[in-house]
Amino acid sequence: MTWLSMSSALIAKPLVIKQRFETENFKTFNNQVIKQVAVGWESYGTLNANKDNVILITHYFSANSHAAGKYSDDDPTSGYWDALIGPNLAIDTNKYFVISVDSLANLGAYNEHVITTGPASINPDTGKPYGLSFPVVTIRDFVNIQKLVLESLGIKKLHAVIGPSMGSMQAIDWATTYPKWVPRMISIIGSAQSDAWTTALIEQWTIPIKLDPNWNNGNYYDSTPPTEGLIAALMFITQDALTPEFINDIGSSSAVNHQPLEAKPMTSILHSHRIVQWLRTTATARAKTFDANHLLYLARASQLFVAGHNSNLDTALSGIEARTLFIPSANDLLLMPYLSENVHLSLKEQGKSSQLDTLTGNLGHLNGVAKITEKAEKIKNFIEQE
């Protein structure tokens, strides 16, 4: 056990309180207006008098602002980076005010701890859910909402911005768009743009939803939702975020016991192998608090992404003033390591301060969430370096 994990075990963290931020007439990157916006946010640690000890955590695709801590003493799960954020941990809440904000169109639209505005929200002009009339939103819009939240607290500059996966897109967009705000940026299992391969891969997640007859072009809020399509999409996402090694380990477990010649699949096309049933069970549990349209909007935001949101990535990167650290996962099949490596090399070629350190482990993309403590010391040293 490292000193970091020992500290985590010995020091109880205070309970987390979800906060609410509201704004009106929010103008999107695509020049559309959302009349009423509400998002949730959480913080850990104390904002200092100068308000210059702020670390912004930008969350991944299926997550929300619950990056650390628990909502109650009997809460069964902690925030996704609980091992990284806290007193005396790599992101030390004795030193830093750590804050995270729910995205627009957050996937967890029916999670009691998520506050978000998206297709499932009520359009004030009609009194009905937006559905597909909700404007297409981008990573820049997520960043701009976060900026409004920070400014509402009197914050004018960050100490660092750190995010995994879709959060890495937000982190580097912060660094390119608001360089004076960002002296340090950490991109974990990330990307600076959605290339052709990644865009096509993400599109696969949207297809089952659109093919579900209950989707009805996004107009399902007064009828049966496209649950089967959503579950199928989450099955794809789960497998894409893991590795053959991990899935094969699950298959060889006594609980699953995958065999090619399983009896039920041999007798009927309607029966699936046990490993497929495991994927479905996992996806079904997650789907209970998710919204199908919200998934489509997050997928599109990810597909539309290029740091700086202009046609030339190198030009956008040239504006970065932050020291940067990229932490890809060696066996990531979703946002493959070359995406981090390419932007790191581009920054180095431009004479920027950039580091790269690769995660190992058998979880693929999810190494950046579940195995992030492997790089805890690296992250700690990076954010504490002046």
Foldseek 3Di string as FASTA:
>chain_A
DDPLQVVLVPDAADAKDKDKDKDAQDQAPVRDTQGIWMWIKIKAADQDPVSAQEEEEEEAQQFFRQQAHHNDPPGPDHHLPNSAEYPPHLNHSPRHIYMYMGFALHFLQQPPRTGHHYQCDQRVVPRHGNFVVTDQHALVSRLVVVVVVCVVVVHDAYLAYEYEESSLCNQLLCQLVVQVRHAEYEYEQYFQAQDPVLLVLLVVLLVLQVPQVCCVSRPNPVHDHSLVSQLVSQLSVQVLQFAPVVLVVVCVDPVQVWDPPDPPVVVDVVDDHSSSVVSSVVSNVSNPRGHSSSSVSSSVNRNQGHRVSDDDNLVSLLSGNYQYEYEHECQRNNSHPVRRVVVQVSCVVSVGHYYYDYHYDRGHSCCRRNVVVVCSVVSSCRSPDD
